[in-house]
Amino acid sequence: QVQLVESGGRLVEAGGSLRLSCVASGRTFTRDAMGWFRQAPGKEREFVAAINWTGGSTYYGVSVKGRFTISRDNAKSTVFLQMNSLQPEDTGVYYCAADQYFHIIMTWIPGTSLDYWGQGTQVTVSS
């Protein structure tokens, strides 16, 4: 059974940092592009960051560029999201996803199908 399991979300004060992890299991994801997405209460899910299968290419949403960093460790089947300078508007459920095509994750909009999704981890940033 293919699974993506996120962890690392918690309550943090504004200005703080968090590192989210997403562990993939069930099959090899080393050739997949991976991405992070988030959904705030009452809002649509939005793209946060993407990384290609080698880790050599990354892409960020406008609202997080310069504050968040996506990375991956293929030996551990894990993708990370380092989040710095967190703000209350970063609050939401953070999901990781996998797809064989990097450009599909980069250009994702609500309604676009991706191969696999995790169940999400809650991030709450207090002011």
Foldseek 3Di string as FASTA:
>chain_A
DWAWAKDWADEAAAQAKTKMKIAIDDDQQLLKKKFKWWDDPPGDIGGAKIAGSVRPDMDGDPVQPPFWDWGDDRVRRMIMIIGGRDDQVVWGWMKMAIANDRVCSRPDDPPRDGDDIHPTDGHGYHD
